[in-house]
Protein backbone atom coordinates (compact mmCIF):
# COMPACT_ATOMS: atom_id res chain seq x y z
CA MET A 1 -174.05 192.52 -71.00
CA LEU A 2 -175.41 192.57 -74.53
CA LEU A 3 -176.13 196.16 -75.52
CA SER A 4 -177.08 195.92 -79.18
CA LEU A 5 -177.50 193.48 -82.02
CA HIS A 6 -177.26 194.46 -85.66
CA ILE A 7 -178.23 192.07 -88.46
CA ARG A 8 -178.07 192.71 -92.17
CA ASP A 9 -179.14 190.25 -94.86
CA PHE A 10 -179.51 187.08 -92.82
CA ALA A 11 -182.20 184.54 -93.81
CA ILE A 12 -185.39 186.63 -94.01
CA ILE A 13 -183.94 189.61 -92.13
CA ASP A 14 -182.81 192.45 -94.39
CA GLN A 15 -181.91 195.07 -91.78
CA LEU A 16 -182.41 194.83 -88.03
CA GLU A 17 -181.12 196.84 -85.11
CA ILE A 18 -182.00 195.90 -81.51
CA GLU A 19 -181.06 197.70 -78.32
CA LEU A 20 -181.16 195.59 -75.19
CA HIS A 21 -181.14 196.37 -71.49
CA ALA A 22 -180.43 194.70 -68.20
CA GLY A 23 -182.93 192.34 -66.57
CA MET A 24 -185.24 189.96 -68.39
CA THR A 25 -186.25 190.51 -72.01
CA ALA A 26 -189.08 188.53 -73.58
CA LEU A 27 -189.15 187.85 -77.35
CA THR A 28 -192.59 186.89 -78.54
CA GLY A 29 -194.37 186.53 -81.85
CA GLU A 30 -196.41 184.17 -83.89
CA THR A 31 -195.00 180.86 -85.01
CA ALA A 32 -192.45 181.14 -87.84
CA ALA A 33 -192.12 184.90 -87.32
CA GLY A 34 -188.37 184.61 -87.07
CA LYS A 35 -187.54 184.18 -83.36
CA SER A 36 -185.32 181.16 -84.10
CA ILE A 37 -183.44 183.25 -86.68
CA LEU A 38 -182.39 185.62 -83.89
CA LEU A 39 -180.97 182.72 -81.94
CA ASP A 40 -179.18 181.48 -85.04
CA ALA A 41 -177.66 184.94 -85.43
CA HIS A 42 -176.36 184.79 -81.83
CA GLY A 43 -174.99 181.35 -82.56
CA LEU A 44 -173.01 182.65 -85.54
CA LEU A 45 -171.53 185.39 -83.35
CA LEU A 46 -170.46 182.69 -80.92
CA GLY A 47 -168.65 180.72 -83.62
CA ASP A 48 -171.31 178.35 -84.98
CA ARG A 49 -170.90 177.08 -88.52
CA ALA A 50 -173.05 178.93 -91.04
CA ALA A 51 -175.80 176.79 -92.55
CA SER A 52 -176.47 176.82 -96.27
CA GLY A 53 -178.98 179.47 -97.18
CA ALA A 54 -177.91 181.83 -94.41
CA VAL A 55 -177.15 184.54 -96.98
CA PRO A 56 -180.31 185.54 -98.94
CA HIS A 57 -180.31 184.84 -102.63
CA ALA A 58 -180.09 188.50 -103.67
CA ALA A 59 -177.48 189.49 -101.07
CA GLU A 60 -173.69 189.46 -101.32
CA ARG A 61 -173.06 188.71 -97.67
CA THR A 62 -174.54 188.38 -94.20
CA ASP A 63 -173.26 190.86 -91.60
CA ILE A 64 -173.98 190.31 -87.91
CA SER A 65 -172.50 192.35 -85.09
CA ALA A 66 -173.16 192.84 -81.40
CA GLY A 67 -171.95 195.30 -78.81
CA PHE A 68 -171.25 194.25 -75.21
CA ASP A 69 -170.59 196.09 -71.97
CA ILE A 70 -167.68 194.30 -70.25
CA ALA A 71 -166.85 196.83 -67.55
CA ALA A 72 -167.90 194.33 -64.87
CA LEU A 73 -165.98 191.44 -66.46
CA PRO A 74 -162.33 191.70 -65.41
CA ALA A 75 -161.53 188.22 -66.79
CA ALA A 76 -162.86 189.15 -70.23
CA ARG A 77 -160.96 192.46 -70.13
CA ALA A 78 -157.78 190.62 -69.19
CA TRP A 79 -158.28 188.14 -72.05
CA LEU A 80 -158.70 190.93 -74.58
CA ALA A 81 -155.64 192.72 -73.21
CA GLU A 82 -153.59 189.53 -73.53
CA GLN A 83 -154.67 189.28 -77.14
CA GLN A 84 -153.98 193.01 -77.64
CA LEU A 85 -157.66 193.61 -78.49
CA ASP A 86 -158.78 195.63 -75.45
CA LEU A 87 -160.62 198.89 -76.30
CA GLY A 88 -162.09 199.75 -72.92
CA ASP A 89 -165.41 198.95 -71.22
CA GLU A 90 -167.19 197.94 -74.41
CA CYS A 91 -166.37 195.40 -77.08
CA GLN A 92 -167.73 194.48 -80.51
CA LEU A 93 -168.19 191.01 -81.99
CA ARG A 94 -168.75 190.72 -85.72
CA ARG A 95 -169.26 187.91 -88.21
CA VAL A 96 -169.37 188.33 -91.98
CA ILE A 97 -170.41 185.44 -94.23
CA ALA A 98 -170.08 185.82 -97.99
CA SER A 99 -172.58 184.29 -100.40
CA GLY A 100 -169.98 181.77 -101.41
CA GLY A 101 -169.75 180.48 -97.87
CA ARG A 102 -166.48 182.14 -96.81
CA SER A 103 -166.61 183.50 -93.27
CA ARG A 104 -164.66 186.21 -91.46
CA ALA A 105 -164.69 187.02 -87.76
CA TYR A 106 -163.75 190.27 -85.99
CA LEU A 107 -163.13 191.29 -82.40
CA ASN A 108 -163.12 195.01 -81.73
CA GLY A 109 -162.57 195.63 -85.43
CA SER A 110 -159.59 193.30 -85.72
CA PRO A 111 -159.81 190.08 -87.76
CA VAL A 112 -159.47 186.97 -85.62
CA PRO A 113 -159.73 183.22 -86.19
CA LEU A 114 -163.20 181.77 -85.68
CA GLN A 115 -161.90 179.70 -82.77
CA GLN A 116 -160.80 182.88 -80.99
CA LEU A 117 -164.20 184.47 -81.53
CA ARG A 118 -165.81 181.34 -80.10
CA GLU A 119 -163.47 181.29 -77.11
CA PHE A 120 -164.26 184.88 -76.20
CA GLY A 121 -167.99 184.63 -77.03
CA GLU A 122 -168.37 181.81 -74.50
CA ARG A 123 -167.39 184.32 -71.79
CA LEU A 124 -170.27 186.58 -72.74
CA VAL A 125 -173.31 184.53 -73.73
CA ASP A 126 -174.76 181.16 -72.69
CA ILE A 127 -177.70 179.70 -74.69
CA HIS A 128 -180.13 177.25 -73.13
CA GLY A 129 -182.17 175.50 -75.82
CA GLN A 130 -185.68 174.08 -75.68
CA HIS A 131 -184.37 170.58 -76.30
CA GLU A 132 -181.69 170.58 -73.63
CA HIS A 133 -183.74 168.16 -71.54
CA GLN A 134 -182.88 165.57 -74.16
CA SER A 135 -179.14 166.08 -73.77
CA LEU A 136 -179.49 166.10 -70.00
CA MET A 137 -180.36 162.42 -70.14
CA ARG A 138 -176.77 161.69 -71.25
CA ARG A 139 -174.62 160.54 -68.33
CA ASP A 140 -171.54 162.37 -69.60
CA LEU A 141 -173.38 165.70 -69.69
CA GLN A 142 -174.76 165.07 -66.20
CA ARG A 143 -171.21 164.61 -64.96
CA GLN A 144 -170.06 167.77 -66.74
CA LEU A 145 -172.88 169.79 -65.23
CA LEU A 146 -172.08 168.58 -61.72
CA ASP A 147 -168.35 169.30 -62.13
CA HIS A 148 -168.99 172.75 -63.58
CA HIS A 149 -171.33 173.56 -60.72
CA GLY A 150 -168.74 172.50 -58.18
CA GLY A 151 -165.73 174.11 -59.87
CA HIS A 152 -163.89 170.80 -60.16
CA GLN A 153 -161.95 171.69 -63.32
CA PRO A 154 -158.47 172.01 -61.67
CA LEU A 155 -158.82 168.53 -60.12
CA LEU A 156 -160.03 167.07 -63.41
CA ALA A 157 -157.05 168.61 -65.23
CA ALA A 158 -154.64 167.09 -62.75
CA LEU A 159 -156.30 163.67 -63.05
CA ALA A 160 -156.16 163.83 -66.84
CA ALA A 161 -152.40 164.63 -66.71
CA LEU A 162 -151.73 161.71 -64.31
CA ARG A 163 -153.71 159.37 -66.52
CA HIS A 164 -151.72 160.46 -69.58
CA ASP A 165 -148.39 159.75 -67.84
CA TRP A 166 -149.72 156.44 -66.51
CA LYS A 167 -150.78 155.31 -69.99
CA GLN A 168 -147.49 156.40 -71.50
CA ALA A 169 -145.53 154.33 -68.92
CA GLY A 170 -147.77 151.38 -69.73
CA GLN A 171 -147.03 151.68 -73.43
CA GLN A 172 -143.30 151.70 -72.69
CA ILE A 173 -143.70 148.59 -70.54
CA GLU A 174 -145.56 146.82 -73.36
CA ALA A 175 -142.82 147.78 -75.81
CA ILE A 176 -140.13 146.27 -73.55
CA ILE A 177 -142.11 143.12 -72.91
CA GLY A 178 -142.86 142.80 -76.61
CA THR A 179 -139.18 142.93 -77.50
CA GLY A 180 -138.29 140.61 -74.68
CA GLN A 181 -139.68 137.59 -76.53
CA ASP A 182 -136.70 137.57 -78.94
CA ARG A 183 -134.40 139.68 -76.80
CA ASP A 184 -131.89 136.90 -76.16
CA SER A 185 -131.40 136.15 -79.85
CA ARG A 186 -131.13 139.86 -80.58
CA LEU A 187 -128.56 140.27 -77.86
CA GLU A 188 -126.37 137.53 -79.31
CA PHE A 189 -126.61 138.94 -82.80
CA LEU A 190 -125.74 142.44 -81.57
CA LYS A 191 -122.72 141.11 -79.68
CA PHE A 192 -121.51 139.35 -82.85
CA GLN A 193 -121.91 142.48 -84.92
CA LEU A 194 -120.31 144.73 -82.32
CA HIS A 195 -117.27 142.43 -81.95
CA GLU A 196 -116.24 143.19 -85.54
CA LEU A 197 -117.18 146.86 -85.25
CA ASP A 198 -115.26 147.22 -81.98
CA GLU A 199 -112.15 145.78 -83.63
CA LEU A 200 -112.57 148.06 -86.62
CA ALA A 201 -113.15 151.11 -84.39
CA ALA A 202 -114.16 153.44 -87.18
CA GLU A 203 -113.92 157.08 -86.16
CA SER A 204 -116.24 159.89 -87.11
CA GLY A 205 -115.12 161.35 -90.46
CA GLU A 206 -112.28 158.80 -90.78
CA THR A 207 -113.17 157.58 -94.27
CA GLU A 208 -113.10 161.07 -95.72
CA ARG A 209 -109.74 161.86 -94.08
CA LEU A 210 -108.13 158.63 -95.23
CA HIS A 211 -109.30 159.11 -98.81
CA GLU A 212 -107.73 162.56 -98.86
CA GLU A 213 -104.40 161.29 -97.44
CA HIS A 214 -104.37 158.33 -99.85
CA ALA A 215 -104.89 160.58 -102.85
CA ARG A 216 -102.00 162.80 -101.68
CA LEU A 217 -99.52 159.97 -101.11
CA ALA A 218 -100.53 158.09 -104.25
CA ASN A 219 -99.74 161.18 -106.35
CA ALA A 220 -96.77 162.45 -104.33
CA GLY A 221 -94.28 162.17 -107.21
CA GLN A 222 -96.45 164.16 -109.57
CA LEU A 223 -97.09 166.79 -106.90
CA LEU A 224 -93.39 167.26 -106.12
CA ASP A 225 -92.31 167.36 -109.79
CA THR A 226 -94.95 169.93 -110.68
CA CYS A 227 -94.04 172.18 -107.74
CA ALA A 228 -90.29 172.05 -108.57
CA ARG A 229 -90.90 172.76 -112.24
CA HIS A 230 -93.03 175.80 -111.59
CA LEU A 231 -90.81 177.06 -108.77
CA GLU A 232 -88.01 177.44 -111.29
CA ARG A 233 -90.25 179.23 -113.78
CA LEU A 234 -91.59 181.56 -111.21
CA TYR A 235 -88.38 182.54 -109.34
CA ASP A 236 -85.11 180.74 -110.20
CA ASP A 237 -84.95 181.16 -113.98
CA GLU A 238 -83.37 184.25 -115.56
CA GLN A 239 -86.65 184.85 -117.37
CA SER A 240 -88.79 183.99 -114.30
CA ALA A 241 -91.98 185.81 -113.41
CA GLN A 242 -90.16 187.39 -110.48
CA ALA A 243 -87.44 188.75 -112.71
CA LEU A 244 -89.88 190.12 -115.28
CA LEU A 245 -91.96 191.85 -112.61
CA SER A 246 -88.86 193.35 -111.00
CA HIS A 247 -87.63 194.76 -114.33
CA ALA A 248 -91.04 196.22 -115.12
CA LEU A 249 -91.22 197.97 -111.75
CA ALA A 250 -87.69 199.36 -112.16
CA ASP A 251 -88.71 200.92 -115.44
CA LEU A 252 -92.13 202.24 -114.37
CA GLU A 253 -91.44 203.73 -110.95
CA PRO A 254 -89.36 206.67 -112.27
CA LEU A 255 -92.07 207.38 -114.87
CA THR A 256 -94.76 207.94 -112.17
CA ALA A 257 -93.13 211.25 -111.42
CA ILE A 258 -93.78 212.26 -115.02
CA ASP A 259 -97.31 210.78 -115.31
CA VAL A 260 -99.23 210.14 -112.10
CA SER A 261 -101.69 207.90 -113.93
CA LEU A 262 -98.99 205.17 -114.02
CA LYS A 263 -98.84 205.07 -110.24
CA GLU A 264 -101.82 202.72 -109.84
CA ALA A 265 -100.37 200.23 -112.31
CA SER A 266 -97.03 200.38 -110.53
CA GLU A 267 -98.67 199.70 -107.17
CA LEU A 268 -100.60 196.71 -108.56
CA LEU A 269 -97.42 195.20 -110.00
CA ASN A 270 -95.64 195.73 -106.70
CA ASN A 271 -98.43 193.91 -104.86
CA ALA A 272 -98.23 191.12 -107.42
CA LEU A 273 -94.51 190.81 -106.72
CA ILE A 274 -95.17 190.52 -102.98
CA GLN A 275 -97.83 187.83 -103.46
CA LEU A 276 -95.57 185.98 -105.87
CA ALA A 277 -92.86 185.87 -103.24
CA GLU A 278 -95.32 184.46 -100.66
CA GLY A 279 -96.50 181.80 -103.12
CA VAL A 280 -92.93 180.81 -103.93
CA ASP A 281 -92.13 180.45 -100.21
CA GLN A 282 -95.04 178.05 -99.82
CA LEU A 283 -93.97 176.02 -102.85
CA ARG A 284 -90.45 175.72 -101.43
CA SER A 285 -91.75 174.45 -98.03
CA TYR A 286 -94.35 172.07 -99.57
CA PRO A 287 -91.96 169.14 -100.17
CA GLN A 288 -91.18 169.10 -96.42
CA SER A 289 -94.87 168.21 -95.72
CA LEU A 290 -95.02 165.55 -98.40
CA GLU A 291 -92.79 162.53 -98.15
CA LEU A 292 -92.84 159.39 -100.29
CA ASP A 293 -93.89 156.73 -97.77
CA PRO A 294 -94.83 153.42 -99.36
CA GLU A 295 -95.50 151.75 -96.02
CA ARG A 296 -98.00 154.49 -95.05
CA LEU A 297 -99.61 154.23 -98.46
CA GLY A 298 -99.99 150.48 -98.08
CA TRP A 299 -101.55 150.88 -94.61
CA LEU A 300 -104.03 153.40 -95.93
CA GLU A 301 -105.11 151.06 -98.69
CA GLN A 302 -105.60 148.22 -96.21
CA ARG A 303 -107.56 150.43 -93.79
CA LEU A 304 -109.84 151.77 -96.50
CA ASP A 305 -110.42 148.25 -97.80
CA SER A 306 -111.46 147.13 -94.29
CA LEU A 307 -113.85 150.08 -93.87
CA HIS A 308 -115.50 149.50 -97.25
CA ARG A 309 -115.73 145.72 -96.67
CA VAL A 310 -117.52 146.06 -93.31
CA ALA A 311 -119.81 148.80 -94.67
CA ARG A 312 -120.84 146.54 -97.56
CA LYS A 313 -121.60 143.73 -95.10
CA HIS A 314 -124.05 145.99 -93.22
CA ARG A 315 -125.31 147.65 -96.40
CA ILE A 316 -124.42 151.14 -95.29
CA ALA A 317 -122.11 153.88 -96.57
CA PRO A 318 -118.54 153.71 -95.20
CA GLU A 319 -118.96 157.30 -93.94
CA THR A 320 -121.75 156.16 -91.54
CA LEU A 321 -119.84 153.29 -89.88
CA HIS A 322 -119.08 155.25 -86.73
CA GLU A 323 -122.72 156.30 -86.26
CA PHE A 324 -123.91 152.78 -86.98
CA HIS A 325 -121.47 151.39 -84.40
CA GLN A 326 -122.72 153.84 -81.79
CA ARG A 327 -126.34 153.01 -82.53
CA LEU A 328 -125.87 149.25 -82.16
CA GLY A 329 -123.98 149.82 -78.93
CA ALA A 330 -126.82 151.89 -77.52
CA GLU A 331 -129.35 149.25 -78.51
CA LEU A 332 -127.25 146.53 -76.81
CA GLN A 333 -127.04 148.62 -73.67
CA GLN A 334 -130.78 149.27 -73.70
CA LEU A 335 -131.58 145.59 -74.12
CA ALA A 336 -129.12 144.67 -71.40
CA GLN A 337 -130.76 147.19 -69.05
CA ALA A 338 -134.35 146.24 -70.02
CA ASP A 339 -135.02 144.54 -66.72
CA GLU A 340 -133.94 147.62 -64.79
CA GLN A 341 -136.03 149.85 -67.06
CA LEU A 342 -139.03 147.61 -66.71
CA GLU A 343 -138.78 147.69 -62.91
CA ALA A 344 -138.43 151.45 -62.91
CA LEU A 345 -141.40 151.95 -65.22
CA GLU A 346 -143.61 149.63 -63.13
CA ALA A 347 -142.63 151.53 -60.02
CA GLN A 348 -143.43 154.83 -61.77
CA ARG A 349 -146.79 153.48 -62.90
CA ARG A 350 -147.66 152.37 -59.36
CA ALA A 351 -146.75 155.82 -58.00
CA LEU A 352 -148.87 157.53 -60.64
CA ALA A 353 -151.82 155.25 -59.87
CA ALA A 354 -151.48 155.98 -56.15
CA GLU A 355 -151.40 159.74 -56.75
CA TYR A 356 -154.38 159.37 -59.09
CA ALA A 357 -156.31 157.46 -56.40
CA THR A 358 -155.63 160.21 -53.86
CA LEU A 359 -156.89 162.94 -56.21
CA ALA A 360 -159.82 160.82 -57.35
CA GLY A 361 -160.81 160.34 -53.71
CA GLU A 362 -160.71 164.09 -53.17
CA LEU A 363 -162.80 164.61 -56.31
CA HIS A 364 -165.30 162.02 -55.09
CA ARG A 365 -165.71 163.83 -51.78
CA ARG A 366 -166.23 167.15 -53.50
CA ARG A 367 -168.65 165.65 -55.95
CA VAL A 368 -170.74 164.15 -53.13
CA LYS A 369 -170.84 167.52 -51.37
CA THR A 370 -171.69 169.39 -54.59
CA ALA A 371 -174.32 166.78 -55.47
CA ALA A 372 -176.10 167.28 -52.16
CA THR A 373 -176.19 171.06 -52.58
CA LEU A 374 -177.27 170.94 -56.21
CA SER A 375 -179.90 168.27 -55.52
CA ALA A 376 -181.50 170.44 -52.84
CA GLN A 377 -181.50 173.53 -55.08
CA VAL A 378 -183.05 171.70 -58.06
CA SER A 379 -185.66 170.05 -55.81
CA GLU A 380 -186.65 173.47 -54.48
CA ARG A 381 -186.99 174.82 -58.02
CA MET A 382 -189.09 171.78 -58.97
CA HIS A 383 -191.51 172.56 -56.14
CA SER A 384 -191.93 176.13 -57.37
CA LEU A 385 -192.64 174.75 -60.83
CA GLY A 386 -195.68 172.82 -59.70
CA MET A 387 -193.96 169.54 -58.77
CA GLN A 388 -194.77 169.64 -55.09
CA GLY A 389 -193.21 166.68 -53.27
CA GLY A 390 -190.96 165.95 -56.20
CA THR A 391 -187.35 165.08 -55.43
CA PHE A 392 -184.18 165.45 -57.45
CA ARG A 393 -181.04 163.65 -56.43
CA ILE A 394 -177.60 163.30 -57.95
CA GLU A 395 -176.14 159.86 -57.16
CA VAL A 396 -172.37 159.64 -57.01
CA THR A 397 -171.01 156.11 -56.74
CA ALA A 398 -167.52 154.72 -57.08
CA SER A 399 -166.82 152.87 -60.32
CA ASP A 400 -165.78 149.22 -60.34
CA ASN A 401 -163.53 149.81 -63.30
CA ASP A 402 -159.84 149.56 -62.37
CA SER A 403 -158.68 151.52 -65.37
CA LEU A 404 -157.90 155.15 -64.78
CA SER A 405 -160.43 157.52 -66.33
CA ALA A 406 -159.78 161.12 -67.36
CA HIS A 407 -162.92 162.05 -65.38
CA GLY A 408 -162.19 160.29 -62.10
CA GLY A 409 -163.54 157.05 -60.67
CA ASP A 410 -167.20 157.97 -60.19
CA ASN A 411 -170.47 157.01 -61.84
CA ILE A 412 -172.83 160.00 -61.79
CA GLU A 413 -176.53 159.80 -62.47
CA PHE A 414 -179.47 162.17 -62.13
CA LEU A 415 -182.41 160.57 -60.29
CA VAL A 416 -185.92 161.98 -60.04
CA SER A 417 -189.14 161.30 -58.20
CA ALA A 418 -191.86 163.42 -59.75
CA ASN A 419 -194.46 162.77 -57.02
CA PRO A 420 -194.42 161.96 -53.29
CA GLY A 421 -194.08 158.28 -52.53
CA GLN A 422 -192.69 157.39 -55.96
CA PRO A 423 -189.22 155.82 -56.06
CA LEU A 424 -186.32 157.70 -57.49
CA LYS A 425 -185.70 156.78 -61.11
CA PRO A 426 -183.05 157.85 -63.67
CA LEU A 427 -183.93 161.08 -65.45
CA ALA A 428 -184.14 159.19 -68.72
CA LYS A 429 -187.06 157.16 -67.41
CA VAL A 430 -189.30 160.11 -66.53
CA ALA A 431 -192.45 159.36 -68.50
CA SER A 432 -194.06 162.80 -68.78
CA GLY A 433 -192.57 165.19 -71.31
CA GLY A 434 -193.97 168.12 -69.34
CA GLU A 435 -192.34 166.88 -66.14
CA LEU A 436 -189.05 166.37 -67.91
CA SER A 437 -189.23 169.86 -69.36
CA ARG A 438 -189.80 171.38 -65.92
CA ILE A 439 -187.06 169.37 -64.35
CA SER A 440 -184.71 170.45 -67.09
CA LEU A 441 -185.72 174.08 -66.58
CA ALA A 442 -185.09 173.79 -62.84
CA ILE A 443 -181.59 172.39 -63.53
CA GLN A 444 -180.85 175.07 -66.12
CA VAL A 445 -181.98 177.91 -63.86
CA VAL A 446 -179.86 176.63 -60.97
CA ALA A 447 -176.86 176.10 -63.26
CA ALA A 448 -177.30 179.56 -64.80
CA SER A 449 -177.49 181.15 -61.35
CA ASP A 450 -173.89 180.02 -60.68
CA THR A 451 -172.40 181.13 -63.94
CA GLU A 452 -170.36 184.32 -64.30
CA ILE A 453 -171.54 184.65 -67.90
CA PRO A 454 -173.52 187.93 -67.99
CA THR A 455 -176.05 187.14 -70.80
CA LEU A 456 -178.28 184.06 -70.66
CA ILE A 457 -180.59 183.14 -73.55
CA PHE A 458 -183.48 180.72 -72.99
CA ASP A 459 -185.11 179.36 -76.12
CA GLU A 460 -188.62 178.15 -75.34
CA VAL A 461 -187.44 176.29 -72.24
CA ASP A 462 -190.99 176.69 -70.96
CA SER A 463 -192.29 174.29 -73.62
CA GLY A 464 -194.78 171.79 -72.25
CA VAL A 465 -195.92 173.85 -69.25
CA GLY A 466 -198.81 176.20 -68.70
CA GLY A 467 -201.10 177.81 -66.12
CA GLY A 468 -199.65 178.52 -62.72
CA VAL A 469 -196.54 176.58 -63.56
CA ALA A 470 -195.86 178.86 -66.50
CA GLU A 471 -196.23 181.84 -64.19
CA ALA A 472 -193.68 180.28 -61.85
CA VAL A 473 -191.33 179.80 -64.78
CA GLY A 474 -191.63 183.47 -65.63
CA GLN A 475 -191.01 184.47 -62.02
CA GLN A 476 -187.86 182.38 -61.85
CA LEU A 477 -186.53 183.82 -65.09
CA ARG A 478 -187.34 187.35 -63.83
CA ALA A 479 -185.55 186.61 -60.55
CA LEU A 480 -182.59 185.37 -62.57
CA GLY A 481 -182.67 188.68 -64.40
CA LYS A 482 -181.65 190.47 -61.17
CA HIS A 483 -178.15 189.08 -61.52
CA HIS A 484 -177.92 188.38 -65.23
CA GLN A 485 -179.23 189.71 -68.49
CA VAL A 486 -181.89 187.18 -69.51
CA LEU A 487 -183.28 186.88 -73.04
CA CYS A 488 -186.25 184.53 -73.26
CA VAL A 489 -188.01 183.34 -76.41
CA THR A 490 -191.47 182.26 -75.31
CA HIS A 491 -195.01 181.54 -76.44
CA LEU A 492 -196.49 181.78 -72.96
CA PRO A 493 -198.09 185.03 -71.78
CA GLN A 494 -197.43 184.03 -68.18
CA VAL A 495 -193.71 184.16 -68.94
CA ALA A 496 -193.73 187.19 -71.22
CA CYS A 497 -195.57 189.38 -68.71
CA GLN A 498 -192.75 188.93 -66.20
CA ALA A 499 -190.19 190.52 -68.50
CA HIS A 500 -188.60 193.93 -67.88
CA GLN A 501 -188.39 194.47 -71.65
CA HIS A 502 -190.69 193.07 -74.29
CA LEU A 503 -189.72 192.65 -77.97
CA GLN A 504 -192.20 191.54 -80.59
CA VAL A 505 -190.96 189.53 -83.58
CA SER A 506 -193.21 189.74 -86.63
CA LYS A 507 -193.06 188.67 -90.25
CA LEU A 508 -193.98 191.06 -93.05
CA THR A 509 -194.94 189.38 -96.31
CA GLY A 510 -195.07 191.28 -99.59
CA ASP A 511 -195.70 190.19 -103.15
CA LYS A 512 -192.20 188.79 -103.61
CA THR A 513 -190.48 189.22 -100.28
CA THR A 514 -190.78 188.08 -96.69
CA ARG A 515 -189.03 190.02 -93.96
CA THR A 516 -188.70 189.83 -90.18
CA ARG A 517 -188.86 192.88 -87.96
CA ILE A 518 -188.44 193.36 -84.22
CA ARG A 519 -189.77 196.24 -82.21
CA PRO A 520 -189.99 197.02 -78.52
CA LEU A 521 -193.46 197.06 -76.98
CA HIS A 522 -194.65 199.53 -74.37
CA GLY A 523 -197.94 200.41 -72.76
CA ASP A 524 -201.03 199.33 -74.67
CA GLU A 525 -199.00 197.61 -77.39
CA ARG A 526 -197.61 195.24 -74.85
CA VAL A 527 -201.06 194.58 -73.43
CA GLU A 528 -202.26 193.74 -76.94
CA GLU A 529 -199.39 191.28 -77.48
CA ILE A 530 -200.12 189.52 -74.18
CA ALA A 531 -203.82 189.45 -75.16
CA ARG A 532 -202.89 187.90 -78.51
CA MET A 533 -200.87 185.21 -76.73
CA LEU A 534 -203.89 184.56 -74.49
CA GLY A 535 -206.74 184.64 -76.99
CA GLY A 536 -205.42 184.22 -80.51
CA ARG A 537 -206.65 186.32 -83.45
CA THR A 538 -209.82 187.70 -81.78
CA ILE A 539 -209.05 190.00 -78.89
CA THR A 540 -211.96 190.84 -76.63
CA ASP A 541 -212.30 193.31 -73.79
CA SER A 542 -212.08 190.42 -71.38
CA THR A 543 -208.84 189.25 -72.95
CA LEU A 544 -207.40 192.74 -72.79
CA ARG A 545 -208.36 193.15 -69.15
CA HIS A 546 -206.86 189.76 -68.36
CA ALA A 547 -203.64 190.74 -70.16
CA ALA A 548 -203.45 194.04 -68.30
CA GLU A 549 -204.07 192.28 -65.05
CA MET A 550 -201.26 189.80 -65.79
CA LEU A 551 -198.90 192.65 -66.54
CA GLY A 552 -199.94 194.44 -63.40
CA HIS A 553 -199.09 191.42 -61.32
CA GLY A 554 -196.01 190.71 -63.38
CA SER A 555 -193.43 193.06 -64.70
CA ASP A 556 -195.29 196.28 -65.42
CA PRO A 557 -197.73 197.43 -62.77
CA ALA A 558 -198.16 200.73 -64.58
CA HIS A 559 -200.51 199.06 -67.02
CA SER A 560 -204.20 198.92 -66.09
CA ALA A 561 -207.33 197.33 -67.48
CA GLY A 562 -208.75 200.73 -68.17
CA ASN A 563 -205.87 201.65 -70.45
CA ALA A 564 -206.20 198.35 -72.20
CA THR A 565 -209.81 198.76 -73.13
CA LYS A 566 -209.24 202.06 -74.87
CA LYS A 567 -208.28 200.13 -77.97
CA GLY A 568 -211.94 199.09 -78.46
CA ARG A 569 -214.01 196.01 -78.08
CA GLY A 570 -213.76 192.78 -80.05
CA LYS A 571 -210.72 193.93 -82.00
CA GLN A 572 -209.91 191.63 -84.92
CA ARG A 573 -206.20 191.22 -85.68
CA GLY A 574 -205.26 191.18 -89.33
C-alpha cells in the first residue's frame, strides 16, 4: 500500500508531501490544477521516461519518492530479498531527474537500473487511464486481458517455447533443402578435394615439426663442428675454462680461512665449475642425437614441398592443412547424411506441432471457461452502471491459420449489446462514447478486483457518465477499496463523495510563479468541495445541503446539512 508521496521541483510543484491511507481516496480540483501532474509523478516512479520540461527552469533536479507498506506482499518481499534490497515491512522508491535529462533510480536507498525499478513498481501500483477504452478495442489487448484474468501465463510460456523450437527446426530444414539443389555437384567436388588430402594425410602441427627437423639436418655439419671446437676450449685444452676455474678455486679456498669475505666468491666459482661440467656432458652426448642422414633430409624436403604445394592450391597456410582436411570431411559427411537429418528434423517438427496442438487445446478450453466467467462479471457491472439489459460476451473461436502462434490458436473478441434486443457487436463498433466508457470501467473494475497489486489508480475513468450512473461508479470504486487501496482522480461529486479520504488539488498563481498544492479535506471543507463540484463558482445553501446529503449517503455520514450551512449563504468562491 502507498503510504506517502514526496515531490520536489516537478513541473509546477515545488514541494509536496502527501500521506495516504487504505480504502478509496478521491483527488479533486478545478481543471488544470495539477491532478495529471500527480499521475505523471507516479508514472516516473514506475519507470516512465521523463518528458522534456519535467524539471522546472530554475531547479537543478526533480526528486520524487514514495513509501510503501509491503508487509502483506510476500512475493514483493521475496523479490527484494533476492536482489539484496529487503529492509523489512516498508520500502522506498525514488527517482531523481537532473535538469540535463539524466535520470537515477533508487530502491530502498540503493541505486538500481530503471528497468529494475519498473519491474518492482509493477508489483505495487496499477494505473487505469481515462483513455483505456480506446486501447480495449485492440484485439491483442483483449486477448491479454482474458489471459491475465484466467492466469494462463504458464501455458502461454510453454506454447511460445514450442513455437520457437518448431520454427528453428523449420529453418534447419530450409537450409538443407536449399543446399540440396547443388548438393550432388558439391559432393563430387568434395570427394575430389578429399582424395588428394587423404593421400597427403597432413597431421596437426606437422609442418612446424618438419621445418625444425629440416633446419637441424641441413646444418648438421656446422652444428657438430661448433660443438667439438668449443668442447675442447671448455674442457680438453690445457688452458680450458675448466682448468682455469679449477686453478682459481685451488688458490682461493685456503684464503677463505684468512678472509671470510672471499667465501662467497669461492662458492660462486665452485657452482660455475659444476654447471660447466654439466654443459660439457651435454655437448659430448649431442653428436649421438644428430646424425648426417642425406636420405632423411631429402625426404623432408619432398614432404615439405608437397605440403606447401597443396596448401597453395587451396589458398591456405600449410599449418592449417590438417584443420582444413577435417572441415571438408565433416561437410562431406553432413551432405551425405542430409537425407537422414531432413527426415529427423521433419519428425521433430511434427512432434512439436502435436505437442503444441495439445497445449493449445487445453488453453482454448481454459479460455472458454474464463471468458464465460469474465463475461458474466462484466455484464453484472454494466447493469449497475445504468446499462440494464446490456450484455458483454467474450467470443473465443479457433483460428483457421495453420501456422503456430505464440499466443495459441484462438481468435478472441469482446462483443457488447448495450440494450435489450440489440445484437452483440464488437466493442469497437459501440456508437456511444458514454456507453463505451462505462463498459471500459466495468471491465477495469472486474480486472482490478482479481489483481494482487495493492494500489490501483483510476484517472478520470468516470468520464462521460453522470447522475445515478456516476453514483454507481463511485460505489463500485468504494467497494473495490475494501480489498485494495484505490486512488481516483475525478470531476464528479457522485464519485468523490464515496471516498474514504478526500484530497483537493489546487493551483496557486503569483506574480511570476504558479504552484500546485494538495491538502486533505475534512468536515465542512469537504462539503464545500463537493458543493463546488456540484454548483461551480457560486455556492448556495441549497448546494451545500445537497453536498452534505451526498456525503451522508456516501462515505462520510458524520457530515450534516446543518454543519454545511454554517459557512453562510450564497458564498462566492474567489
